[in-house]
PDB file of N, CA and C in Angstrom:
ATOM      1  N   MET A   1     109.299 -52.838-130.480  1.00  0.00           N
ATOM      2  CA  MET A   1     108.556 -52.074-129.448  1.00  0.00           C
ATOM      3  C   MET A   1     107.008 -52.258-129.887  1.00  0.00           C
ATOM      4  N   LEU A   2     106.687 -52.579-131.073  1.00  0.00           N
ATOM      5  CA  LEU A   2     105.319 -52.563-131.491  1.00  0.00           C
ATOM      6  C   LEU A   2     104.708 -53.983-131.369  1.00  0.00           C
ATOM      7  N   LYS A   3     105.386 -54.869-130.838  1.00  0.00           N
ATOM      8  CA  LYS A   3     104.885 -56.260-130.730  1.00  0.00           C
ATOM      9  C   LYS A   3     103.761 -56.273-129.677  1.00  0.00           C
ATOM     10  N   PRO A   4     102.656 -57.008-129.903  1.00  0.00           N
ATOM     11  CA  PRO A   4     101.534 -57.113-129.015  1.00  0.00           C
ATOM     12  C   PRO A   4     101.953 -57.775-127.690  1.00  0.00           C
ATOM     13  N   GLU A   5     102.752 -58.786-127.766  1.00  0.00           N
ATOM     14  CA  GLU A   5     103.173 -59.571-126.584  1.00  0.00           C
ATOM     15  C   GLU A   5     104.185 -58.832-125.816  1.00  0.00           C
ATOM     16  N   ALA A   6     104.039 -58.551-124.546  1.00  0.00           N
ATOM     17  CA  ALA A   6     104.894 -57.755-123.652  1.00  0.00           C
ATOM     18  C   ALA A   6     106.275 -58.526-123.582  1.00  0.00           C
ATOM     19  N   LYS A   7     106.241 -59.799-123.655  1.00  0.00           N
ATOM     20  CA  LYS A   7     107.476 -60.576-123.382  1.00  0.00           C
ATOM     21  C   LYS A   7     108.434 -60.377-124.703  1.00  0.00           C
ATOM     22  N   GLU A   8     107.779 -60.043-125.783  1.00  0.00           N
ATOM     23  CA  GLU A   8     108.597 -59.914-126.915  1.00  0.00           C
ATOM     24  C   GLU A   8     109.101 -58.476-127.227  1.00  0.00           C
ATOM     25  N   ARG A   9     108.591 -57.572-126.449  1.00  0.00           N
ATOM     26  CA  ARG A   9     108.966 -56.192-126.543  1.00  0.00           C
ATOM     27  C   ARG A   9     110.320 -55.999-125.669  1.00  0.00           C
ATOM     28  N   PRO A  10     111.188 -55.116-126.096  1.00  0.00           N
ATOM     29  CA  PRO A  10     112.319 -54.782-125.251  1.00  0.00           C
ATOM     30  C   PRO A  10     111.912 -54.028-124.050  1.00  0.00           C
ATOM     31  N   ASN A  11     112.716 -54.231-122.928  1.00  0.00           N
ATOM     32  CA  ASN A  11     112.463 -53.406-121.699  1.00  0.00           C
ATOM     33  C   ASN A  11     113.142 -52.182-121.688  1.00  0.00           C
ATOM     34  N   VAL A  12     113.017 -51.361-120.692  1.00  0.00           N
ATOM     35  CA  VAL A  12     113.607 -50.090-120.596  1.00  0.00           C
ATOM     36  C   VAL A  12     115.071 -50.120-120.699  1.00  0.00           C
ATOM     37  N   GLU A  13     115.677 -51.028-119.958  1.00  0.00           N
ATOM     38  CA  GLU A  13     117.131 -51.203-119.958  1.00  0.00           C
ATOM     39  C   GLU A  13     117.672 -51.487-121.389  1.00  0.00           C
ATOM     40  N   ASP A  14     116.956 -52.345-122.114  1.00  0.00           N
ATOM     41  CA  ASP A  14     117.346 -52.614-123.443  1.00  0.00           C
ATOM     42  C   ASP A  14     117.292 -51.352-124.462  1.00  0.00           C
ATOM     43  N   LEU A  15     116.298 -50.632-124.114  1.00  0.00           N
ATOM     44  CA  LEU A  15     116.064 -49.425-124.980  1.00  0.00           C
ATOM     45  C   LEU A  15     117.020 -48.311-124.660  1.00  0.00           C
ATOM     46  N   LEU A  16     117.500 -48.292-123.310  1.00  0.00           N
ATOM     47  CA  LEU A  16     118.512 -47.273-122.925  1.00  0.00           C
ATOM     48  C   LEU A  16     119.888 -47.683-123.406  1.00  0.00           C
ATOM     49  N   ASN A  17     120.107 -48.956-123.645  1.00  0.00           N
ATOM     50  CA  ASN A  17     121.466 -49.347-124.152  1.00  0.00           C
ATOM     51  C   ASN A  17     121.518 -49.237-125.595  1.00  0.00           C
ATOM     52  N   LEU A  18     120.522 -48.846-126.356  1.00  0.00           N
ATOM     53  CA  LEU A  18     120.639 -48.646-127.812  1.00  0.00           C
ATOM     54  C   LEU A  18     121.656 -47.559-127.953  1.00  0.00           C
ATOM     55  N   PRO A  19     122.473 -47.757-128.970  1.00  0.00           N
ATOM     56  CA  PRO A  19     123.516 -46.675-129.186  1.00  0.00           C
ATOM     57  C   PRO A  19     122.994 -45.284-129.417  1.00  0.00           C
ATOM     58  N   GLN A  20     121.946 -45.149-130.185  1.00  0.00           N
ATOM     59  CA  GLN A  20     121.352 -43.853-130.465  1.00  0.00           C
ATOM     60  C   GLN A  20     120.750 -43.181-129.184  1.00  0.00           C
ATOM     61  N   VAL A  21     120.192 -44.029-128.361  1.00  0.00           N
ATOM     62  CA  VAL A  21     119.621 -43.506-127.138  1.00  0.00           C
ATOM     63  C   VAL A  21     120.602 -43.192-126.067  1.00  0.00           C
ATOM     64  N   SER A  22     121.567 -44.079-125.934  1.00  0.00           N
ATOM     65  CA  SER A  22     122.605 -43.858-124.902  1.00  0.00           C
ATOM     66  C   SER A  22     123.444 -42.679-125.284  1.00  0.00           C
ATOM     67  N   MET A  23     123.660 -42.467-126.635  1.00  0.00           N
ATOM     68  CA  MET A  23     124.560 -41.265-127.055  1.00  0.00           C
ATOM     69  C   MET A  23     123.637 -39.896-126.729  1.00  0.00           C
ATOM     70  N   ARG A  24     122.432 -39.995-126.921  1.00  0.00           N
ATOM     71  CA  ARG A  24     121.623 -38.771-126.672  1.00  0.00           C
ATOM     72  C   ARG A  24     121.565 -38.453-125.193  1.00  0.00           C
ATOM     73  N   LEU A  25     121.434 -39.570-124.390  1.00  0.00           N
ATOM     74  CA  LEU A  25     121.452 -39.388-122.964  1.00  0.00           C
ATOM     75  C   LEU A  25     122.796 -38.770-122.498  1.00  0.00           C
ATOM     76  N   ARG A  26     123.863 -39.246-122.993  1.00  0.00           N
ATOM     77  CA  ARG A  26     125.242 -38.731-122.651  1.00  0.00           C
ATOM     78  C   ARG A  26     125.338 -37.249-123.066  1.00  0.00           C
ATOM     79  N   GLU A  27     124.861 -37.025-124.307  1.00  0.00           N
ATOM     80  CA  GLU A  27     124.962 -35.572-124.797  1.00  0.00           C
ATOM     81  C   GLU A  27     124.132 -34.644-123.857  1.00  0.00           C
ATOM     82  N   ARG A  28     122.955 -35.120-123.421  1.00  0.00           N
ATOM     83  CA  ARG A  28     122.166 -34.253-122.563  1.00  0.00           C
ATOM     84  C   ARG A  28     122.909 -34.057-121.203  1.00  0.00           C
ATOM     85  N   ALA A  29     123.479 -35.091-120.773  1.00  0.00           N
ATOM     86  CA  ALA A  29     124.210 -35.010-119.416  1.00  0.00           C
ATOM     87  C   ALA A  29     125.339 -34.111-119.564  1.00  0.00           C
ATOM     88  N   LEU A  30     126.128 -34.199-120.647  1.00  0.00           N
ATOM     89  CA  LEU A  30     127.240 -33.288-120.862  1.00  0.00           C
ATOM     90  C   LEU A  30     126.872 -31.918-121.007  1.00  0.00           C
ATOM     91  N   LYS A  31     125.732 -31.544-121.646  1.00  0.00           N
ATOM     92  CA  LYS A  31     125.232 -30.203-121.788  1.00  0.00           C
ATOM     93  C   LYS A  31     124.888 -29.710-120.417  1.00  0.00           C
ATOM     94  N   ARG A  32     124.254 -30.552-119.596  1.00  0.00           N
ATOM     95  CA  ARG A  32     123.871 -30.066-118.233  1.00  0.00           C
ATOM     96  C   ARG A  32     125.100 -29.734-117.357  1.00  0.00           C
ATOM     97  N   ASN A  33     126.070 -30.670-117.562  1.00  0.00           N
ATOM     98  CA  ASN A  33     127.347 -30.570-116.738  1.00  0.00           C
ATOM     99  C   ASN A  33     128.105 -29.258-117.227  1.00  0.00           C
ATOM    100  N   ARG A  34     128.006 -28.962-118.585  1.00  0.00           N
ATOM    101  CA  ARG A  34     128.654 -27.786-119.115  1.00  0.00           C
ATOM    102  C   ARG A  34     127.984 -26.546-118.499  1.00  0.00           C
ATOM    103  N   VAL A  35     126.688 -26.472-118.474  1.00  0.00           N
ATOM    104  CA  VAL A  35     126.007 -25.362-117.886  1.00  0.00           C
ATOM    105  C   VAL A  35     126.320 -25.183-116.481  1.00  0.00           C
ATOM    106  N   HIS A  36     126.325 -26.322-115.722  1.00  0.00           N
ATOM    107  CA  HIS A  36     126.651 -26.221-114.317  1.00  0.00           C
ATOM    108  C   HIS A  36     128.017 -25.719-114.063  1.00  0.00           C
ATOM    109  N   MET A  37     128.928 -26.151-114.844  1.00  0.00           N
ATOM    110  CA  MET A  37     130.423 -25.799-114.694  1.00  0.00           C
ATOM    111  C   MET A  37     130.544 -24.320-115.063  1.00  0.00           C
ATOM    112  N   LYS A  38     129.784 -23.819-115.969  1.00  0.00           N
ATOM    113  CA  LYS A  38     129.845 -22.460-116.465  1.00  0.00           C
ATOM    114  C   LYS A  38     129.341 -21.575-115.312  1.00  0.00           C
ATOM    115  N   LYS A  39     128.330 -22.050-114.627  1.00  0.00           N
ATOM    116  CA  LYS A  39     127.754 -21.248-113.517  1.00  0.00           C
ATOM    117  C   LYS A  39     128.760 -21.160-112.358  1.00  0.00           C
ATOM    118  N   LYS A  40     129.328 -22.277-112.160  1.00  0.00           N
ATOM    119  CA  LYS A  40     130.285 -22.422-111.092  1.00  0.00           C
ATOM    120  C   LYS A  40     131.482 -21.482-111.267  1.00  0.00           C
ATOM    121  N   GLU A  41     131.969 -21.501-112.618  1.00  0.00           N
ATOM    122  CA  GLU A  41     133.136 -20.753-112.987  1.00  0.00           C
ATOM    123  C   GLU A  41     132.769 -19.201-112.747  1.00  0.00           C
ATOM    124  N   GLU A  42     131.569 -18.847-113.089  1.00  0.00           N
ATOM    125  CA  GLU A  42     131.118 -17.375-112.929  1.00  0.00           C
ATOM    126  C   GLU A  42     131.141 -17.090-111.416  1.00  0.00           C
ATOM    127  N   GLU A  43     130.675 -18.099-110.595  1.00  0.00           N
ATOM    128  CA  GLU A  43     130.673 -17.845-109.193  1.00  0.00           C
ATOM    129  C   GLU A  43     131.995 -17.640-108.556  1.00  0.00           C
ATOM    130  N   VAL A  44     132.926 -18.452-109.104  1.00  0.00           N
ATOM    131  CA  VAL A  44     134.374 -18.429-108.678  1.00  0.00           C
ATOM    132  C   VAL A  44     135.014 -17.068-109.071  1.00  0.00           C
ATOM    133  N   LEU A  45     134.703 -16.654-110.342  1.00  0.00           N
ATOM    134  CA  LEU A  45     135.312 -15.396-110.707  1.00  0.00           C
ATOM    135  C   LEU A  45     134.725 -14.265-109.933  1.00  0.00           C
ATOM    136  N   LYS A  46     133.440 -14.302-109.530  1.00  0.00           N
ATOM    137  CA  LYS A  46     132.786 -13.236-108.663  1.00  0.00           C
ATOM    138  C   LYS A  46     133.461 -13.252-107.379  1.00  0.00           C
ATOM    139  N   LYS A  47     133.704 -14.423-106.781  1.00  0.00           N
ATOM    140  CA  LYS A  47     134.339 -14.518-105.427  1.00  0.00           C
ATOM    141  C   LYS A  47     135.750 -14.017-105.464  1.00  0.00           C
ATOM    142  N   GLU A  48     136.461 -14.379-106.532  1.00  0.00           N
ATOM    143  CA  GLU A  48     137.802 -13.941-106.706  1.00  0.00           C
ATOM    144  C   GLU A  48     137.913 -12.394-106.688  1.00  0.00           C
ATOM    145  N   SER A  49     136.861 -11.781-107.433  1.00  0.00           N
ATOM    146  CA  SER A  49     136.825 -10.284-107.480  1.00  0.00           C
ATOM    147  C   SER A  49     136.505  -9.691-106.136  1.00  0.00           C
ATOM    148  N   GLN A  50     135.558 -10.409-105.372  1.00  0.00           N
ATOM    149  CA  GLN A  50     135.323  -9.885-104.145  1.00  0.00           C
ATOM    150  C   GLN A  50     136.412 -10.051-103.159  1.00  0.00           C
ATOM    151  N   LEU A  51     137.199 -11.056-103.254  1.00  0.00           N
ATOM    152  CA  LEU A  51     138.360 -11.288-102.377  1.00  0.00           C
ATOM    153  C   LEU A  51     139.496 -10.245-102.642  1.00  0.00           C
ATOM    154  N   LYS A  52     139.631 -10.030-103.983  1.00  0.00           N
ATOM    155  CA  LYS A  52     140.604  -8.944-104.326  1.00  0.00           C
ATOM    156  C   LYS A  52     140.249  -7.665-103.840  1.00  0.00           C
ATOM    157  N   GLU A  53     138.985  -7.329-103.901  1.00  0.00           N
ATOM    158  CA  GLU A  53     138.490  -6.097-103.296  1.00  0.00           C
ATOM    159  C   GLU A  53     138.723  -5.981-101.829  1.00  0.00           C
ATOM    160  N   LYS A  54     138.431  -7.052-101.082  1.00  0.00           N
ATOM    161  CA  LYS A  54     138.513  -7.033 -99.652  1.00  0.00           C
ATOM    162  C   LYS A  54     140.038  -7.008 -99.321  1.00  0.00           C
ATOM    163  N   GLU A  55     140.933  -7.681-100.127  1.00  0.00           N
ATOM    164  CA  GLU A  55     142.337  -7.621 -99.846  1.00  0.00           C
ATOM    165  C   GLU A  55     142.797  -6.148 -99.990  1.00  0.00           C
ATOM    166  N   GLU A  56     142.392  -5.505-101.058  1.00  0.00           N
ATOM    167  CA  GLU A  56     142.744  -4.102-101.243  1.00  0.00           C
ATOM    168  C   GLU A  56     142.332  -3.196-100.082  1.00  0.00           C
ATOM    169  N   GLN A  57     141.095  -3.462 -99.598  1.00  0.00           N
ATOM    170  CA  GLN A  57     140.606  -2.744 -98.431  1.00  0.00           C
ATOM    171  C   GLN A  57     141.476  -2.963 -97.239  1.00  0.00           C
ATOM    172  N   LEU A  58     141.824  -4.256 -96.985  1.00  0.00           N
ATOM    173  CA  LEU A  58     142.646  -4.667 -95.811  1.00  0.00           C
ATOM    174  C   LEU A  58     143.979  -4.040 -95.870  1.00  0.00           C
ATOM    175  N   GLN A  59     144.589  -4.019 -97.142  1.00  0.00           N
ATOM    176  CA  GLN A  59     145.889  -3.410 -97.334  1.00  0.00           C
ATOM    177  C   GLN A  59     145.822  -1.902 -97.033  1.00  0.00           C
ATOM    178  N   LYS A  60     144.788  -1.196 -97.439  1.00  0.00           N
ATOM    179  CA  LYS A  60     144.563   0.239 -97.190  1.00  0.00           C
ATOM    180  C   LYS A  60     144.406   0.483 -95.757  1.00  0.00           C
ATOM    181  N   ARG A  61     143.604  -0.408 -95.098  1.00  0.00           N
ATOM    182  CA  ARG A  61     143.423  -0.171 -93.640  1.00  0.00           C
ATOM    183  C   ARG A  61     144.749  -0.480 -92.868  1.00  0.00           C
ATOM    184  N   GLU A  62     145.489  -1.461 -93.274  1.00  0.00           N
ATOM    185  CA  GLU A  62     146.757  -1.745 -92.681  1.00  0.00           C
ATOM    186  C   GLU A  62     147.714  -0.615 -92.874  1.00  0.00           C
ATOM    187  N   LYS A  63     147.792   0.110 -94.071  1.00  0.00           N
ATOM    188  CA  LYS A  63     148.575   1.272 -94.200  1.00  0.00           C
ATOM    189  C   LYS A  63     148.141   2.365 -93.206  1.00  0.00           C
ATOM    190  N   GLU A  64     146.886   2.548 -93.215  1.00  0.00           N
ATOM    191  CA  GLU A  64     146.425   3.616 -92.287  1.00  0.00           C
ATOM    192  C   GLU A  64     146.791   3.376 -90.889  1.00  0.00           C
ATOM    193  N   LEU A  65     146.593   2.129 -90.407  1.00  0.00           N
ATOM    194  CA  LEU A  65     147.061   1.787 -89.014  1.00  0.00           C
ATOM    195  C   LEU A  65     148.573   1.959 -88.782  1.00  0.00           C
ATOM    196  N   ASP A  66     149.354   1.604 -89.783  1.00  0.00           N
ATOM    197  CA  ASP A  66     150.844   1.831 -89.760  1.00  0.00           C
ATOM    198  C   ASP A  66     151.096   3.213 -89.597  1.00  0.00           C
ATOM    199  N   ASP A  67     150.425   4.033 -90.405  1.00  0.00           N
ATOM    200  CA  ASP A  67     150.698   5.529 -90.384  1.00  0.00           C
ATOM    201  C   ASP A  67     150.243   6.081 -88.928  1.00  0.00           C
ATOM    202  N   GLN A  68     149.132   5.605 -88.461  1.00  0.00           N
ATOM    203  CA  GLN A  68     148.754   6.003 -87.101  1.00  0.00           C
ATOM    204  C   GLN A  68     149.754   5.599 -86.116  1.00  0.00           C
ATOM    205  N   GLU A  69     150.300   4.435 -86.128  1.00  0.00           N
ATOM    206  CA  GLU A  69     151.269   3.890 -85.282  1.00  0.00           C
ATOM    207  C   GLU A  69     152.539   4.708 -85.290  1.00  0.00           C
ATOM    208  N   SER A  70     152.883   5.148 -86.478  1.00  0.00           N
ATOM    209  CA  SER A  70     154.005   5.977 -86.653  1.00  0.00           C
ATOM    210  C   SER A  70     153.876   7.258 -86.021  1.00  0.00           C
ATOM    211  N   LYS A  71     152.712   7.877 -86.101  1.00  0.00           N
ATOM    212  CA  LYS A  71     152.445   9.216 -85.582  1.00  0.00           C
ATOM    213  C   LYS A  71     152.448   9.053 -83.975  1.00  0.00           C
ATOM    214  N   ILE A  72     151.932   8.035 -83.423  1.00  0.00           N
ATOM    215  CA  ILE A  72     151.847   7.783 -82.021  1.00  0.00           C
ATOM    216  C   ILE A  72     153.358   7.692 -81.503  1.00  0.00           C
ATOM    217  N   GLU A  73     154.138   6.916 -82.322  1.00  0.00           N
ATOM    218  CA  GLU A  73     155.556   6.755 -81.885  1.00  0.00           C
ATOM    219  C   GLU A  73     156.256   8.128 -81.893  1.00  0.00           C
ATOM    220  N   GLU A  74     155.955   8.924 -82.934  1.00  0.00           N
ATOM    221  CA  GLU A  74     156.616  10.258 -82.962  1.00  0.00           C
ATOM    222  C   GLU A  74     156.198  11.152 -81.788  1.00  0.00           C
ATOM    223  N   LEU A  75     154.830  11.087 -81.523  1.00  0.00           N
ATOM    224  CA  LEU A  75     154.281  11.796 -80.327  1.00  0.00           C
ATOM    225  C   LEU A  75     154.917  11.438 -79.039  1.00  0.00           C
ATOM    226  N   GLU A  76     155.162  10.122 -78.912  1.00  0.00           N
ATOM    227  CA  GLU A  76     155.767   9.583 -77.625  1.00  0.00           C
ATOM    228  C   GLU A  76     157.286   9.957 -77.539  1.00  0.00           C
ATOM    229  N   ARG A  77     157.923  10.121 -78.647  1.00  0.00           N
ATOM    230  CA  ARG A  77     159.337  10.530 -78.642  1.00  0.00           C
ATOM    231  C   ARG A  77     159.400  12.067 -78.245  1.00  0.00           C
ATOM    232  N   GLU A  78     158.457  12.769 -78.643  1.00  0.00           N
ATOM    233  CA  GLU A  78     158.433  14.194 -78.476  1.00  0.00           C
ATOM    234  C   GLU A  78     158.194  14.497 -76.947  1.00  0.00           C
ATOM    235  N   VAL A  79     157.454  13.614 -76.287  1.00  0.00           N
ATOM    236  CA  VAL A  79     157.113  13.763 -74.840  1.00  0.00           C
ATOM    237  C   VAL A  79     158.284  13.332 -73.904  1.00  0.00           C
TER     238      VAL A  79
END
């Protein structure tokens, strides 16, 4: 890389293909991917929690509606 003649110096592709450089680039990419996956995992866990909460609310509401329906049916029978 220190040669005065540009033709004698390695180009960028040659430098990126050096084992030390390519290994560092792969390590950096893996770290970025790991961080990205961790964020996605946290988002999924948060969504799961929200969905579970919504499901519980829906089940509660469904039970309330069933109870109301039963009361209405009872009232209709009395009439």
